[in-house]
Amino acid sequence: MSAPVGSPQQYWQANLRLLIICLIIWFVVSYGFGIILVEPLNSIQIGGYKLGFWFAQQGSIYVFVALIFYYAWRMNKYDREFHVHED
């Protein structure tokens, strides 16, 4: 087994940075697009539904699920980088 590349503090900082970025993206999509920018977005229609309505009802959920997969993928890369993966 090889020695860790970074310290546990660096691993935790990388984890927190990734988590904060994902939460900011989710906040912008759910609160920004679904509530604050709903009126301008409602002028655009996709599949017969107004875009602002779509973001408020489904878009933020889809983005959240995509962020979960991205977070898991990126954390697997961090785990390998810091030699804490479970193979």
C-alpha atoms as a PDB file:
ATOM      1  CA  MET A   1       0.000   0.000   0.000  1.00  0.00           C
ATOM      2  CA  SER A   2       1.413   3.383  -0.971  1.00  0.00           C
ATOM      3  CA  ALA A   3       1.581   6.423   1.269  1.00  0.00           C
ATOM      4  CA  PRO A   4      -1.205   9.014   1.023  1.00  0.00           C
ATOM      5  CA  VAL A   5      -0.566  11.836  -1.441  1.00  0.00           C
ATOM      6  CA  GLY A   6      -2.280  14.493   0.653  1.00  0.00           C
ATOM      7  CA  SER A   7      -3.205  14.953   4.244  1.00  0.00           C
ATOM      8  CA  PRO A   8      -6.638  14.186   5.680  1.00  0.00           C
ATOM      9  CA  GLN A   9      -7.186  17.944   5.945  1.00  0.00           C
ATOM     10  CA  GLN A  10      -6.564  18.371   2.200  1.00  0.00           C
ATOM     11  CA  TYR A  11      -8.953  15.522   1.443  1.00  0.00           C
ATOM     12  CA  TRP A  12     -11.620  17.077   3.664  1.00  0.00           C
ATOM     13  CA  GLN A  13     -11.091  20.516   2.086  1.00  0.00           C
ATOM     14  CA  ALA A  14     -11.483  19.022  -1.398  1.00  0.00           C
ATOM     15  CA  ASN A  15     -14.659  17.277  -0.247  1.00  0.00           C
ATOM     16  CA  LEU A  16     -16.107  20.455   1.272  1.00  0.00           C
ATOM     17  CA  ARG A  17     -15.213  22.536  -1.783  1.00  0.00           C
ATOM     18  CA  LEU A  18     -16.994  20.040  -4.056  1.00  0.00           C
ATOM     19  CA  LEU A  19     -20.001  19.898  -1.739  1.00  0.00           C
ATOM     20  CA  ILE A  20     -20.302  23.690  -1.581  1.00  0.00           C
ATOM     21  CA  ILE A  21     -20.066  24.009  -5.375  1.00  0.00           C
ATOM     22  CA  CYS A  22     -22.791  21.377  -5.839  1.00  0.00           C
ATOM     23  CA  LEU A  23     -25.053  23.067  -3.288  1.00  0.00           C
ATOM     24  CA  ILE A  24     -24.571  26.475  -4.911  1.00  0.00           C
ATOM     25  CA  ILE A  25     -25.504  25.043  -8.318  1.00  0.00           C
ATOM     26  CA  TRP A  26     -28.583  23.379  -6.850  1.00  0.00           C
ATOM     27  CA  PHE A  27     -29.576  26.584  -5.038  1.00  0.00           C
ATOM     28  CA  VAL A  28     -29.242  28.682  -8.197  1.00  0.00           C
ATOM     29  CA  VAL A  29     -31.319  26.217 -10.203  1.00  0.00           C
ATOM     30  CA  SER A  30     -34.032  25.595  -7.606  1.00  0.00           C
ATOM     31  CA  TYR A  31     -34.343  29.033  -5.995  1.00  0.00           C
ATOM     32  CA  GLY A  32     -33.024  31.259  -8.766  1.00  0.00           C
ATOM     33  CA  PHE A  33     -34.661  29.623 -11.789  1.00  0.00           C
ATOM     34  CA  GLY A  34     -37.718  28.250  -9.977  1.00  0.00           C
ATOM     35  CA  ILE A  35     -38.626  31.345  -7.946  1.00  0.00           C
ATOM     36  CA  ILE A  36     -36.662  34.519  -8.717  1.00  0.00           C
ATOM     37  CA  LEU A  37     -36.362  34.196 -12.505  1.00  0.00           C
ATOM     38  CA  VAL A  38     -39.655  32.392 -13.050  1.00  0.00           C
ATOM     39  CA  GLU A  39     -41.335  35.254 -14.939  1.00  0.00           C
ATOM     40  CA  PRO A  40     -38.617  35.774 -17.584  1.00  0.00           C
ATOM     41  CA  LEU A  41     -38.243  32.004 -17.988  1.00  0.00           C
ATOM     42  CA  ASN A  42     -41.983  31.555 -18.448  1.00  0.00           C
ATOM     43  CA  SER A  43     -41.721  33.333 -21.803  1.00  0.00           C
ATOM     44  CA  ILE A  44     -39.904  30.198 -23.065  1.00  0.00           C
ATOM     45  CA  GLN A  45     -41.884  27.005 -23.567  1.00  0.00           C
ATOM     46  CA  ILE A  46     -40.561  23.440 -23.714  1.00  0.00           C
ATOM     47  CA  GLY A  47     -42.956  20.635 -24.551  1.00  0.00           C
ATOM     48  CA  GLY A  48     -45.946  22.923 -23.976  1.00  0.00           C
ATOM     49  CA  TYR A  49     -44.829  23.920 -20.463  1.00  0.00           C
ATOM     50  CA  LYS A  50     -43.391  27.230 -19.403  1.00  0.00           C
ATOM     51  CA  LEU A  51     -39.704  26.928 -18.568  1.00  0.00           C
ATOM     52  CA  GLY A  52     -40.024  28.680 -15.185  1.00  0.00           C
ATOM     53  CA  PHE A  53     -42.798  26.290 -14.186  1.00  0.00           C
ATOM     54  CA  TRP A  54     -40.734  23.324 -15.396  1.00  0.00           C
ATOM     55  CA  PHE A  55     -37.716  24.370 -13.293  1.00  0.00           C
ATOM     56  CA  ALA A  56     -39.922  24.852 -10.240  1.00  0.00           C
ATOM     57  CA  GLN A  57     -41.642  21.481 -10.642  1.00  0.00           C
ATOM     58  CA  GLN A  58     -39.089  19.132 -12.175  1.00  0.00           C
ATOM     59  CA  GLY A  59     -35.923  20.886 -13.284  1.00  0.00           C
ATOM     60  CA  SER A  60     -34.436  21.320  -9.841  1.00  0.00           C
ATOM     61  CA  ILE A  61     -35.056  17.638  -9.083  1.00  0.00           C
ATOM     62  CA  TYR A  62     -33.292  16.550 -12.286  1.00  0.00           C
ATOM     63  CA  VAL A  63     -30.366  18.840 -11.535  1.00  0.00           C
ATOM     64  CA  PHE A  64     -30.191  17.500  -7.974  1.00  0.00           C
ATOM     65  CA  VAL A  65     -30.064  13.888  -9.196  1.00  0.00           C
ATOM     66  CA  ALA A  66     -27.399  14.804 -11.769  1.00  0.00           C
ATOM     67  CA  LEU A  67     -25.384  16.515  -9.018  1.00  0.00           C
ATOM     68  CA  ILE A  68     -25.587  13.371  -6.881  1.00  0.00           C
ATOM     69  CA  PHE A  69     -24.056  11.314  -9.686  1.00  0.00           C
ATOM     70  CA  TYR A  70     -21.427  13.987 -10.346  1.00  0.00           C
ATOM     71  CA  TYR A  71     -20.557  14.175  -6.636  1.00  0.00           C
ATOM     72  CA  ALA A  72     -20.157  10.388  -6.400  1.00  0.00           C
ATOM     73  CA  TRP A  73     -17.997  10.295  -9.559  1.00  0.00           C
ATOM     74  CA  ARG A  74     -15.795  13.166  -8.392  1.00  0.00           C
ATOM     75  CA  MET A  75     -15.423  11.764  -4.858  1.00  0.00           C
ATOM     76  CA  ASN A  76     -14.285   8.442  -6.348  1.00  0.00           C
ATOM     77  CA  LYS A  77     -11.573  10.382  -8.172  1.00  0.00           C
ATOM     78  CA  TYR A  78     -10.620  12.173  -4.930  1.00  0.00           C
ATOM     79  CA  ASP A  79     -10.539   8.829  -3.107  1.00  0.00           C
ATOM     80  CA  ARG A  80      -8.071   7.449  -5.626  1.00  0.00           C
ATOM     81  CA  GLU A  81      -6.033  10.662  -5.641  1.00  0.00           C
ATOM     82  CA  PHE A  82      -5.700  10.613  -1.842  1.00  0.00           C
ATOM     83  CA  HIS A  83      -5.371   6.801  -1.708  1.00  0.00           C
ATOM     84  CA  VAL A  84      -8.432   6.237   0.449  1.00  0.00           C
ATOM     85  CA  HIS A  85     -10.452   4.255  -2.113  1.00  0.00           C
ATOM     86  CA  GLU A  86     -12.039   0.901  -1.360  1.00  0.00           C
ATOM     87  CA  ASP A  87     -11.235  -1.613  -4.086  1.00  0.00           C
END
